[in-house]
C-alpha atoms as a PDB file:
ATOM      1  CA  UNK A   1      11.161  -4.279 -27.882  1.00  0.00           C
ATOM      2  CA  UNK A   2       9.153  -5.418 -25.086  1.00  0.00           C
ATOM      3  CA  UNK A   3       7.981  -8.852 -24.492  1.00  0.00           C
ATOM      4  CA  UNK A   4       4.902 -10.154 -22.808  1.00  0.00           C
ATOM      5  CA  UNK A   5       4.332 -12.556 -19.995  1.00  0.00           C
ATOM      6  CA  UNK A   6       1.080 -13.888 -19.538  1.00  0.00           C
ATOM      7  CA  UNK A   7      -0.319 -11.109 -21.744  1.00  0.00           C
ATOM      8  CA  UNK A   8       1.307  -8.491 -19.731  1.00  0.00           C
ATOM      9  CA  UNK A   9       3.970  -6.047 -21.169  1.00  0.00           C
ATOM     10  CA  UNK A  10       7.313  -6.597 -19.201  1.00  0.00           C
ATOM     11  CA  UNK A  11       9.356  -4.849 -21.312  1.00  0.00           C
ATOM     12  CA  UNK A  12      12.388  -6.635 -20.542  1.00  0.00           C
ATOM     13  CA  UNK A  13      11.825  -6.562 -16.524  1.00  0.00           C
ATOM     14  CA  UNK A  14      11.496 -10.114 -15.281  1.00  0.00           C
ATOM     15  CA  UNK A  15      11.860  -9.318 -11.630  1.00  0.00           C
ATOM     16  CA  UNK A  16      11.927  -6.256  -9.386  1.00  0.00           C
ATOM     17  CA  UNK A  17      14.074  -5.389  -6.363  1.00  0.00           C
ATOM     18  CA  UNK A  18      12.526  -4.206  -3.147  1.00  0.00           C
ATOM     19  CA  UNK A  19      14.744  -1.602  -1.514  1.00  0.00           C
ATOM     20  CA  UNK A  20      13.448  -0.627   2.025  1.00  0.00           C
ATOM     21  CA  UNK A  21      14.109   2.281   3.995  1.00  0.00           C
ATOM     22  CA  UNK A  22      16.610   3.872   1.453  1.00  0.00           C
ATOM     23  CA  UNK A  23      16.959   6.999   3.384  1.00  0.00           C
ATOM     24  CA  UNK A  24      17.234   4.935   6.952  1.00  0.00           C
ATOM     25  CA  UNK A  25      18.694   1.377   6.011  1.00  0.00           C
ATOM     26  CA  UNK A  26      19.253   0.625  10.146  1.00  0.00           C
ATOM     27  CA  UNK A  27      15.600   0.440  10.681  1.00  0.00           C
ATOM     28  CA  UNK A  28      15.580  -3.027   8.975  1.00  0.00           C
ATOM     29  CA  UNK A  29      17.501  -4.150  12.020  1.00  0.00           C
ATOM     30  CA  UNK A  30      15.567  -2.946  14.916  1.00  0.00           C
ATOM     31  CA  UNK A  31      12.547  -3.441  13.204  1.00  0.00           C
ATOM     32  CA  UNK A  32      12.730  -7.283  12.320  1.00  0.00           C
ATOM     33  CA  UNK A  33      12.239  -8.643  15.855  1.00  0.00           C
ATOM     34  CA  UNK A  34       9.065  -6.459  16.582  1.00  0.00           C
ATOM     35  CA  UNK A  35       7.367  -7.040  13.006  1.00  0.00           C
ATOM     36  CA  UNK A  36       8.160 -10.769  13.687  1.00  0.00           C
ATOM     37  CA  UNK A  37       6.378 -10.908  17.124  1.00  0.00           C
ATOM     38  CA  UNK A  38       3.487  -8.754  15.490  1.00  0.00           C
ATOM     39  CA  UNK A  39       3.219 -11.418  12.677  1.00  0.00           C
ATOM     40  CA  UNK A  40       3.362 -14.364  14.898  1.00  0.00           C
ATOM     41  CA  UNK A  41       0.553 -12.481  17.051  1.00  0.00           C
ATOM     42  CA  UNK A  42      -1.480 -12.135  14.185  1.00  0.00           C
ATOM     43  CA  UNK A  43      -1.099 -15.297  12.914  1.00  0.00           C
ATOM     44  CA  UNK A  44      -1.917 -16.996  16.209  1.00  0.00           C
ATOM     45  CA  UNK A  45      -4.530 -14.749  17.465  1.00  0.00           C
ATOM     46  CA  UNK A  46      -6.771 -15.011  14.332  1.00  0.00           C
ATOM     47  CA  UNK A  47      -5.956 -18.791  14.173  1.00  0.00           C
ATOM     48  CA  UNK A  48      -7.249 -19.166  17.504  1.00  0.00           C
ATOM     49  CA  UNK A  49     -10.353 -16.990  16.990  1.00  0.00           C
ATOM     50  CA  UNK A  50     -11.525 -18.916  13.778  1.00  0.00           C
ATOM     51  CA  UNK A  51     -11.038 -22.207  15.686  1.00  0.00           C
ATOM     52  CA  UNK A  52     -12.825 -21.047  18.637  1.00  0.00           C
ATOM     53  CA  UNK A  53     -15.744 -19.835  16.361  1.00  0.00           C
ATOM     54  CA  UNK A  54     -15.591 -23.120  14.484  1.00  0.00           C
ATOM     55  CA  UNK A  55     -15.723 -25.259  17.506  1.00  0.00           C
ATOM     56  CA  UNK A  56     -18.304 -23.367  19.706  1.00  0.00           C
ATOM     57  CA  UNK A  57     -21.968 -23.704  18.791  1.00  0.00           C
ATOM     58  CA  UNK A  58     -22.890 -20.503  20.875  1.00  0.00           C
ATOM     59  CA  UNK A  59     -20.731 -18.524  18.464  1.00  0.00           C
ATOM     60  CA  UNK A  60     -22.542 -19.536  15.394  1.00  0.00           C
ATOM     61  CA  UNK A  61     -24.345 -16.372  14.836  1.00  0.00           C
ATOM     62  CA  UNK A  62     -24.188 -13.890  12.058  1.00  0.00           C
ATOM     63  CA  UNK A  63     -22.007 -11.451  13.924  1.00  0.00           C
ATOM     64  CA  UNK A  64     -19.662 -13.881  14.545  1.00  0.00           C
ATOM     65  CA  UNK A  65     -19.459 -15.151  11.314  1.00  0.00           C
ATOM     66  CA  UNK A  66     -18.719 -11.623  10.150  1.00  0.00           C
ATOM     67  CA  UNK A  67     -15.932 -11.621  12.485  1.00  0.00           C
ATOM     68  CA  UNK A  68     -14.429 -14.810  10.999  1.00  0.00           C
ATOM     69  CA  UNK A  69     -14.651 -13.247   7.554  1.00  0.00           C
ATOM     70  CA  UNK A  70     -12.704 -10.383   9.101  1.00  0.00           C
ATOM     71  CA  UNK A  71      -9.877 -12.787  10.412  1.00  0.00           C
ATOM     72  CA  UNK A  72      -9.640 -14.709   7.023  1.00  0.00           C
ATOM     73  CA  UNK A  73      -9.006 -11.385   5.386  1.00  0.00           C
ATOM     74  CA  UNK A  74      -6.278 -10.141   8.117  1.00  0.00           C
ATOM     75  CA  UNK A  75      -4.304 -13.411   7.537  1.00  0.00           C
ATOM     76  CA  UNK A  76      -4.128 -13.253   3.880  1.00  0.00           C
ATOM     77  CA  UNK A  77      -2.826  -9.659   4.247  1.00  0.00           C
ATOM     78  CA  UNK A  78      -0.615 -10.484   6.777  1.00  0.00           C
ATOM     79  CA  UNK A  79       0.919 -13.717   4.637  1.00  0.00           C
ATOM     80  CA  UNK A  80       0.957 -11.549   1.342  1.00  0.00           C
ATOM     81  CA  UNK A  81       3.202  -8.761   2.818  1.00  0.00           C
ATOM     82  CA  UNK A  82       4.982  -9.552   6.268  1.00  0.00           C
ATOM     83  CA  UNK A  83       6.756 -12.830   5.052  1.00  0.00           C
ATOM     84  CA  UNK A  84       8.209 -10.997   1.830  1.00  0.00           C
ATOM     85  CA  UNK A  85       9.302  -7.844   4.225  1.00  0.00           C
ATOM     86  CA  UNK A  86      11.009  -9.969   6.765  1.00  0.00           C
ATOM     87  CA  UNK A  87      13.080 -12.093   4.303  1.00  0.00           C
ATOM     88  CA  UNK A  88      14.405  -8.956   3.170  1.00  0.00           C
ATOM     89  CA  UNK A  89      15.326  -7.695   6.472  1.00  0.00           C
ATOM     90  CA  UNK A  90      16.874 -10.911   7.610  1.00  0.00           C
ATOM     91  CA  UNK A  91      18.400 -12.253   4.309  1.00  0.00           C
ATOM     92  CA  UNK A  92      18.398  -9.418   1.881  1.00  0.00           C
ATOM     93  CA  UNK A  93      16.735 -11.259  -0.636  1.00  0.00           C
ATOM     94  CA  UNK A  94      15.158  -8.369  -2.047  1.00  0.00           C
ATOM     95  CA  UNK A  95      13.948  -9.780  -5.584  1.00  0.00           C
ATOM     96  CA  UNK A  96      10.652 -10.686  -6.588  1.00  0.00           C
ATOM     97  CA  UNK A  97       9.181 -11.766  -9.891  1.00  0.00           C
ATOM     98  CA  UNK A  98       7.436  -9.587 -12.096  1.00  0.00           C
ATOM     99  CA  UNK A  99       4.066 -11.772 -11.764  1.00  0.00           C
ATOM    100  CA  UNK A 100       4.437 -11.891  -7.905  1.00  0.00           C
ATOM    101  CA  UNK A 101       4.953  -8.187  -7.543  1.00  0.00           C
ATOM    102  CA  UNK A 102       1.800  -7.422  -9.409  1.00  0.00           C
ATOM    103  CA  UNK A 103      -0.188 -10.165  -7.643  1.00  0.00           C
ATOM    104  CA  UNK A 104       1.172  -8.745  -4.395  1.00  0.00           C
ATOM    105  CA  UNK A 105      -0.068  -5.546  -5.288  1.00  0.00           C
ATOM    106  CA  UNK A 106      -3.681  -6.968  -6.473  1.00  0.00           C
ATOM    107  CA  UNK A 107      -4.130  -8.541  -3.171  1.00  0.00           C
ATOM    108  CA  UNK A 108      -3.247  -5.673  -1.168  1.00  0.00           C
ATOM    109  CA  UNK A 109      -5.602  -3.632  -2.906  1.00  0.00           C
ATOM    110  CA  UNK A 110      -8.684  -5.988  -3.162  1.00  0.00           C
ATOM    111  CA  UNK A 111      -8.166  -7.232   0.547  1.00  0.00           C
ATOM    112  CA  UNK A 112      -7.829  -4.009   1.920  1.00  0.00           C
ATOM    113  CA  UNK A 113     -10.901  -2.822   0.368  1.00  0.00           C
ATOM    114  CA  UNK A 114     -12.727  -6.178   1.408  1.00  0.00           C
ATOM    115  CA  UNK A 115     -11.705  -5.439   5.163  1.00  0.00           C
ATOM    116  CA  UNK A 116     -13.264  -1.778   4.734  1.00  0.00           C
ATOM    117  CA  UNK A 117     -16.277  -3.279   3.269  1.00  0.00           C
ATOM    118  CA  UNK A 118     -16.424  -6.018   5.958  1.00  0.00           C
ATOM    119  CA  UNK A 119     -16.383  -2.976   8.778  1.00  0.00           C
ATOM    120  CA  UNK A 120     -19.330  -1.432   7.045  1.00  0.00           C
ATOM    121  CA  UNK A 121     -21.328  -4.656   6.802  1.00  0.00           C
ATOM    122  CA  UNK A 122     -20.555  -5.052  10.476  1.00  0.00           C
ATOM    123  CA  UNK A 123     -21.617  -1.559  11.509  1.00  0.00           C
ATOM    124  CA  UNK A 124     -24.899  -2.465   9.671  1.00  0.00           C
ATOM    125  CA  UNK A 125     -25.237  -5.168  12.039  1.00  0.00           C
ATOM    126  CA  UNK A 126     -24.901  -3.281  15.064  1.00  0.00           C
ATOM    127  CA  UNK A 127     -27.305  -0.716  13.867  1.00  0.00           C
ATOM    128  CA  UNK A 128     -29.986  -3.322  13.321  1.00  0.00           C
ATOM    129  CA  UNK A 129     -29.230  -4.859  16.569  1.00  0.00           C
ATOM    130  CA  UNK A 130     -29.540  -1.795  18.715  1.00  0.00           C
ATOM    131  CA  UNK A 131     -32.035   0.459  16.696  1.00  0.00           C
ATOM    132  CA  UNK A 132     -34.311  -2.505  15.466  1.00  0.00           C
ATOM    133  CA  UNK A 133     -33.862  -5.341  18.030  1.00  0.00           C
ATOM    134  CA  UNK A 134     -36.965  -6.872  17.531  1.00  0.00           C
ATOM    135  CA  UNK A 135     -36.415  -7.053  13.629  1.00  0.00           C
ATOM    136  CA  UNK A 136     -32.832  -8.279  14.003  1.00  0.00           C
ATOM    137  CA  UNK A 137     -33.499 -11.975  13.695  1.00  0.00           C
ATOM    138  CA  UNK A 138     -35.365 -11.676  10.668  1.00  0.00           C
ATOM    139  CA  UNK A 139     -32.926  -9.271   9.015  1.00  0.00           C
ATOM    140  CA  UNK A 140     -29.319 -10.360   9.929  1.00  0.00           C
ATOM    141  CA  UNK A 141     -29.560 -14.045   8.973  1.00  0.00           C
ATOM    142  CA  UNK A 142     -27.049 -16.737   8.000  1.00  0.00           C
ATOM    143  CA  UNK A 143     -28.214 -16.104   4.292  1.00  0.00           C
ATOM    144  CA  UNK A 144     -27.661 -12.530   4.849  1.00  0.00           C
ATOM    145  CA  UNK A 145     -24.049 -13.192   5.857  1.00  0.00           C
ATOM    146  CA  UNK A 146     -23.829 -15.049   2.635  1.00  0.00           C
ATOM    147  CA  UNK A 147     -24.946 -12.487   0.423  1.00  0.00           C
ATOM    148  CA  UNK A 148     -22.708  -9.764   2.105  1.00  0.00           C
ATOM    149  CA  UNK A 149     -19.579 -11.981   2.032  1.00  0.00           C
ATOM    150  CA  UNK A 150     -20.506 -12.481  -1.775  1.00  0.00           C
ATOM    151  CA  UNK A 151     -20.693  -8.907  -2.011  1.00  0.00           C
ATOM    152  CA  UNK A 152     -17.650  -8.049  -0.030  1.00  0.00           C
ATOM    153  CA  UNK A 153     -15.629 -10.415  -1.954  1.00  0.00           C
ATOM    154  CA  UNK A 154     -17.117  -9.417  -5.734  1.00  0.00           C
ATOM    155  CA  UNK A 155     -17.050  -5.723  -5.284  1.00  0.00           C
ATOM    156  CA  UNK A 156     -13.557  -5.690  -4.390  1.00  0.00           C
ATOM    157  CA  UNK A 157     -11.875  -8.219  -6.372  1.00  0.00           C
ATOM    158  CA  UNK A 158     -13.508  -6.569  -9.713  1.00  0.00           C
ATOM    159  CA  UNK A 159     -13.112  -3.070  -9.027  1.00  0.00           C
ATOM    160  CA  UNK A 160      -9.505  -3.168  -8.068  1.00  0.00           C
ATOM    161  CA  UNK A 161      -8.317  -5.460 -10.600  1.00  0.00           C
ATOM    162  CA  UNK A 162      -7.559  -2.735 -13.214  1.00  0.00           C
ATOM    163  CA  UNK A 163      -5.048  -1.017 -11.055  1.00  0.00           C
ATOM    164  CA  UNK A 164      -2.285  -3.962 -11.397  1.00  0.00           C
ATOM    165  CA  UNK A 165      -3.301  -4.699 -15.070  1.00  0.00           C
ATOM    166  CA  UNK A 166      -2.876  -1.317 -16.050  1.00  0.00           C
ATOM    167  CA  UNK A 167       0.781  -1.159 -14.252  1.00  0.00           C
ATOM    168  CA  UNK A 168       1.567  -4.478 -15.514  1.00  0.00           C
ATOM    169  CA  UNK A 169       0.948  -3.312 -18.988  1.00  0.00           C
ATOM    170  CA  UNK A 170       3.219   0.055 -18.864  1.00  0.00           C
ATOM    171  CA  UNK A 171       6.654  -0.231 -20.477  1.00  0.00           C
ATOM    172  CA  UNK A 172       9.583  -0.606 -17.951  1.00  0.00           C
ATOM    173  CA  UNK A 173      12.656   0.566 -19.703  1.00  0.00           C
ATOM    174  CA  UNK A 174      15.201  -1.398 -17.331  1.00  0.00           C
ATOM    175  CA  UNK A 175      14.810   0.632 -14.019  1.00  0.00           C
ATOM    176  CA  UNK A 176      13.553  -2.372 -11.633  1.00  0.00           C
ATOM    177  CA  UNK A 177      14.438  -1.114  -8.197  1.00  0.00           C
ATOM    178  CA  UNK A 178      11.354  -0.333  -6.164  1.00  0.00           C
ATOM    179  CA  UNK A 179      11.875   2.114  -3.359  1.00  0.00           C
ATOM    180  CA  UNK A 180       9.452   0.351  -1.114  1.00  0.00           C
ATOM    181  CA  UNK A 181       9.012  -2.893   0.965  1.00  0.00           C
ATOM    182  CA  UNK A 182       6.115  -3.633  -0.904  1.00  0.00           C
ATOM    183  CA  UNK A 183       4.931  -3.832  -4.625  1.00  0.00           C
ATOM    184  CA  UNK A 184       2.682  -0.339  -3.953  1.00  0.00           C
ATOM    185  CA  UNK A 185       1.015   0.756  -7.388  1.00  0.00           C
ATOM    186  CA  UNK A 186       2.761   3.925  -7.467  1.00  0.00           C
ATOM    187  CA  UNK A 187       6.184   2.860  -6.177  1.00  0.00           C
ATOM    188  CA  UNK A 188       6.033   0.351  -9.114  1.00  0.00           C
ATOM    189  CA  UNK A 189       4.646   2.432 -11.790  1.00  0.00           C
ATOM    190  CA  UNK A 190       7.045   5.432 -11.347  1.00  0.00           C
ATOM    191  CA  UNK A 191       9.762   3.077 -12.764  1.00  0.00           C
ATOM    192  CA  UNK A 192       7.765   2.945 -16.078  1.00  0.00           C
ATOM    193  CA  UNK A 193       8.902   5.282 -19.295  1.00  0.00           C
ATOM    194  CA  UNK A 194       5.222   5.847 -19.873  1.00  0.00           C
ATOM    195  CA  UNK A 195       2.865   8.211 -18.710  1.00  0.00           C
ATOM    196  CA  UNK A 196       1.292   7.185 -15.395  1.00  0.00           C
ATOM    197  CA  UNK A 197      -1.376   9.919 -14.835  1.00  0.00           C
ATOM    198  CA  UNK A 198      -4.132   7.493 -15.650  1.00  0.00           C
ATOM    199  CA  UNK A 199      -2.890   4.950 -12.992  1.00  0.00           C
ATOM    200  CA  UNK A 200      -2.513   7.754 -10.400  1.00  0.00           C
ATOM    201  CA  UNK A 201      -6.056   8.897 -11.009  1.00  0.00           C
ATOM    202  CA  UNK A 202      -7.470   5.316 -11.240  1.00  0.00           C
ATOM    203  CA  UNK A 203      -5.656   4.477  -7.585  1.00  0.00           C
ATOM    204  CA  UNK A 204      -7.135   7.621  -6.406  1.00  0.00           C
ATOM    205  CA  UNK A 205     -10.612   7.444  -7.440  1.00  0.00           C
ATOM    206  CA  UNK A 206     -10.772   3.873  -6.951  1.00  0.00           C
ATOM    207  CA  UNK A 207      -9.137   4.007  -3.363  1.00  0.00           C
ATOM    208  CA  UNK A 208     -11.408   7.099  -2.245  1.00  0.00           C
ATOM    209  CA  UNK A 209     -14.404   5.567  -3.812  1.00  0.00           C
ATOM    210  CA  UNK A 210     -14.224   2.289  -2.254  1.00  0.00           C
ATOM    211  CA  UNK A 211     -13.037   3.331   1.245  1.00  0.00           C
ATOM    212  CA  UNK A 212     -14.342   6.779   1.499  1.00  0.00           C
ATOM    213  CA  UNK A 213     -18.047   5.280   0.615  1.00  0.00           C
ATOM    214  CA  UNK A 214     -17.447   2.796   3.217  1.00  0.00           C
ATOM    215  CA  UNK A 215     -16.590   5.115   6.170  1.00  0.00           C
ATOM    216  CA  UNK A 216     -19.323   7.598   5.355  1.00  0.00           C
ATOM    217  CA  UNK A 217     -21.642   4.639   5.821  1.00  0.00           C
ATOM    218  CA  UNK A 218     -19.868   3.329   8.936  1.00  0.00           C
ATOM    219  CA  UNK A 219     -20.160   6.926  10.316  1.00  0.00           C
ATOM    220  CA  UNK A 220     -23.859   7.142   9.572  1.00  0.00           C
ATOM    221  CA  UNK A 221     -24.536   4.020  11.076  1.00  0.00           C
ATOM    222  CA  UNK A 222     -22.704   4.925  14.220  1.00  0.00           C
ATOM    223  CA  UNK A 223     -24.564   8.303  14.127  1.00  0.00           C
ATOM    224  CA  UNK A 224     -28.053   6.505  14.168  1.00  0.00           C
ATOM    225  CA  UNK A 225     -26.926   4.103  16.817  1.00  0.00           C
ATOM    226  CA  UNK A 226     -25.878   7.154  19.198  1.00  0.00           C
ATOM    227  CA  UNK A 227     -29.021   8.656  18.508  1.00  0.00           C
ATOM    228  CA  UNK A 228     -30.942   5.906  19.129  1.00  0.00           C
ATOM    229  CA  UNK A 229     -28.936   5.019  22.454  1.00  0.00           C
ATOM    230  CA  UNK A 230     -29.375   8.535  23.645  1.00  0.00           C
ATOM    231  CA  UNK A 231     -33.033   7.728  23.551  1.00  0.00           C
ATOM    232  CA  UNK A 232     -33.204   4.969  25.893  1.00  0.00           C
ATOM    233  CA  UNK A 233     -34.446   5.681  29.307  1.00  0.00           C
ATOM    234  CA  UNK A 234     -33.894   2.448  31.154  1.00  0.00           C
ATOM    235  CA  UNK A 235     -31.311   2.164  33.736  1.00  0.00           C
ATOM    236  CA  UNK A 236     -27.990   0.559  32.438  1.00  0.00           C
ATOM    237  CA  UNK A 237     -29.269   0.481  28.974  1.00  0.00           C
ATOM    238  CA  UNK A 238     -27.115   2.825  27.379  1.00  0.00           C
ATOM    239  CA  UNK A 239     -23.978   1.097  28.642  1.00  0.00           C
ATOM    240  CA  UNK A 240     -25.039  -2.009  27.453  1.00  0.00           C
ATOM    241  CA  UNK A 241     -26.171  -0.976  24.024  1.00  0.00           C
ATOM    242  CA  UNK A 242     -22.372   0.849  23.663  1.00  0.00           C
ATOM    243  CA  UNK A 243     -20.785  -2.082  24.799  1.00  0.00           C
ATOM    244  CA  UNK A 244     -22.180  -4.381  22.080  1.00  0.00           C
ATOM    245  CA  UNK A 245     -20.518  -2.130  19.418  1.00  0.00           C
ATOM    246  CA  UNK A 246     -17.555  -0.917  21.327  1.00  0.00           C
ATOM    247  CA  UNK A 247     -15.292  -3.441  20.124  1.00  0.00           C
ATOM    248  CA  UNK A 248     -16.235  -3.154  16.719  1.00  0.00           C
ATOM    249  CA  UNK A 249     -15.694   0.634  17.093  1.00  0.00           C
ATOM    250  CA  UNK A 250     -12.267   0.283  18.316  1.00  0.00           C
ATOM    251  CA  UNK A 251     -11.267  -1.857  15.513  1.00  0.00           C
ATOM    252  CA  UNK A 252     -12.657   0.833  12.966  1.00  0.00           C
ATOM    253  CA  UNK A 253     -10.426   3.451  14.825  1.00  0.00           C
ATOM    254  CA  UNK A 254      -7.191   0.985  14.511  1.00  0.00           C
ATOM    255  CA  UNK A 255      -7.843   0.405  10.948  1.00  0.00           C
ATOM    256  CA  UNK A 256      -8.815   4.169  10.134  1.00  0.00           C
ATOM    257  CA  UNK A 257      -6.286   5.997  12.183  1.00  0.00           C
ATOM    258  CA  UNK A 258      -3.359   4.296  10.518  1.00  0.00           C
ATOM    259  CA  UNK A 259      -4.639   4.509   7.227  1.00  0.00           C
ATOM    260  CA  UNK A 260      -5.306   8.400   7.760  1.00  0.00           C
ATOM    261  CA  UNK A 261      -1.571   8.656   9.427  1.00  0.00           C
ATOM    262  CA  UNK A 262      -0.460   7.204   6.230  1.00  0.00           C
ATOM    263  CA  UNK A 263      -2.502   9.170   3.812  1.00  0.00           C
ATOM    264  CA  UNK A 264      -1.263  12.538   5.739  1.00  0.00           C
ATOM    265  CA  UNK A 265       2.260  11.697   5.556  1.00  0.00           C
ATOM    266  CA  UNK A 266       2.111  11.331   1.848  1.00  0.00           C
ATOM    267  CA  UNK A 267       0.604  14.802   1.421  1.00  0.00           C
ATOM    268  CA  UNK A 268       3.246  16.216   3.755  1.00  0.00           C
ATOM    269  CA  UNK A 269       5.835  14.042   2.100  1.00  0.00           C
ATOM    270  CA  UNK A 270       8.559  16.997   1.623  1.00  0.00           C
ATOM    271  CA  UNK A 271       8.415  17.334   5.524  1.00  0.00           C
ATOM    272  CA  UNK A 272       8.806  13.955   6.723  1.00  0.00           C
ATOM    273  CA  UNK A 273      11.481  11.227   5.878  1.00  0.00           C
ATOM    274  CA  UNK A 274      10.332   9.430   2.660  1.00  0.00           C
ATOM    275  CA  UNK A 275      10.906   6.089   4.626  1.00  0.00           C
ATOM    276  CA  UNK A 276       7.939   7.158   7.025  1.00  0.00           C
ATOM    277  CA  UNK A 277       5.254   6.417   4.717  1.00  0.00           C
ATOM    278  CA  UNK A 278       6.671   2.817   3.795  1.00  0.00           C
ATOM    279  CA  UNK A 279       6.931   1.977   7.316  1.00  0.00           C
ATOM    280  CA  UNK A 280       3.347   2.920   8.032  1.00  0.00           C
ATOM    281  CA  UNK A 281       2.323   1.154   4.916  1.00  0.00           C
ATOM    282  CA  UNK A 282       3.944  -2.030   6.345  1.00  0.00           C
ATOM    283  CA  UNK A 283       2.602  -1.608  10.012  1.00  0.00           C
ATOM    284  CA  UNK A 284      -1.147  -1.161   8.458  1.00  0.00           C
ATOM    285  CA  UNK A 285      -0.934  -4.788   7.166  1.00  0.00           C
ATOM    286  CA  UNK A 286      -0.026  -6.254  10.398  1.00  0.00           C
ATOM    287  CA  UNK A 287      -1.223  -4.041  13.302  1.00  0.00           C
ATOM    288  CA  UNK A 288      -4.874  -4.019  12.887  1.00  0.00           C
ATOM    289  CA  UNK A 289      -4.437  -7.988  12.054  1.00  0.00           C
ATOM    290  CA  UNK A 290      -2.915  -8.394  15.413  1.00  0.00           C
ATOM    291  CA  UNK A 291      -5.239  -6.169  17.365  1.00  0.00           C
ATOM    292  CA  UNK A 292      -8.456  -7.058  15.867  1.00  0.00           C
ATOM    293  CA  UNK A 293      -8.804 -10.544  17.687  1.00  0.00           C
ATOM    294  CA  UNK A 294      -7.389  -9.347  20.781  1.00  0.00           C
ATOM    295  CA  UNK A 295      -9.640  -6.583  21.040  1.00  0.00           C
ATOM    296  CA  UNK A 296     -13.132  -9.085  20.305  1.00  0.00           C
ATOM    297  CA  UNK A 297     -11.465 -11.744  22.827  1.00  0.00           C
ATOM    298  CA  UNK A 298     -10.904  -9.420  25.721  1.00  0.00           C
ATOM    299  CA  UNK A 299     -14.393  -7.296  25.421  1.00  0.00           C
ATOM    300  CA  UNK A 300     -16.689 -10.094  24.203  1.00  0.00           C
ATOM    301  CA  UNK A 301     -17.623 -12.684  27.096  1.00  0.00           C
ATOM    302  CA  UNK A 302     -18.865 -15.376  24.445  1.00  0.00           C
ATOM    303  CA  UNK A 303     -15.431 -15.291  22.770  1.00  0.00           C
ATOM    304  CA  UNK A 304     -13.537 -15.319  26.185  1.00  0.00           C
ATOM    305  CA  UNK A 305     -15.736 -18.121  27.225  1.00  0.00           C
ATOM    306  CA  UNK A 306     -15.332 -20.030  23.975  1.00  0.00           C
ATOM    307  CA  UNK A 307     -11.500 -19.701  23.947  1.00  0.00           C
ATOM    308  CA  UNK A 308     -11.131 -20.619  27.710  1.00  0.00           C
ATOM    309  CA  UNK A 309     -13.159 -23.923  26.739  1.00  0.00           C
ATOM    310  CA  UNK A 310     -10.679 -24.381  23.831  1.00  0.00           C
ATOM    311  CA  UNK A 311      -7.708 -24.099  25.866  1.00  0.00           C
ATOM    312  CA  UNK A 312      -9.054 -26.670  28.370  1.00  0.00           C
ATOM    313  CA  UNK A 313      -9.424 -29.173  25.559  1.00  0.00           C
ATOM    314  CA  UNK A 314      -5.824 -28.543  24.330  1.00  0.00           C
ATOM    315  CA  UNK A 315      -4.302 -28.808  27.988  1.00  0.00           C
END
């Protein structure tokens, strides 16, 4: 008979074992060092960016507040996934408690949606800045940022909640080895004896509804931006306008490209090693987080100036 933990049906399973790279166990050895460096880079770069925006008064603007939100989301996603993966690689500590597994699943699903939604809000910010520059100060205010942050957090926290709850209520018949480095929804639910069709449909519908709608709105924003920029006649105005949203566009490319490759490898899973989607899933939680602050730091003069001032104070 199944028993319950905190209202969830655990069916005798009190913990899971994460079995990374079943087909290619040697990957763990050579991946551990670059993954560690990427993790340190992501944590350090985002921390420096957050401190710089906090201390530099010139950066107390809506655009940089949104960038701070993105950095916070990156930090949480990294801390949720990468330390556990590294512990598996280094010490072979593969066990994860029933509750911790579904908590990790919830954080990954909700915060990935939050990142996507933040990119959408940032795209709108750039759209208003370029297409309606005179109205920008009255539209993109501190109050707008607060409302946008509440929307980003509430939308994704509530909509993604059903996925881990349904998975946790499944009947697990003793099998507890997850063939993944993380507690991905389908990797966990396929261990269940129950029909997981609803879980699959919910994961698919929820994921594409959230991420798909965000990407459509981002694409629409940049289409309108490009159309407005091409109408500008002043010399050098086009380059200046494009440079203001270039960093943001590069970050979206990082985010969406890894996600797209991950989806394509799942679609063509018979033609690729089953470990490839697992590797891409892990990297998707650390590569964008490491690159986001670097891209903004390199391409944004105000942030570069703020970081230099911060370093002078430290040294």
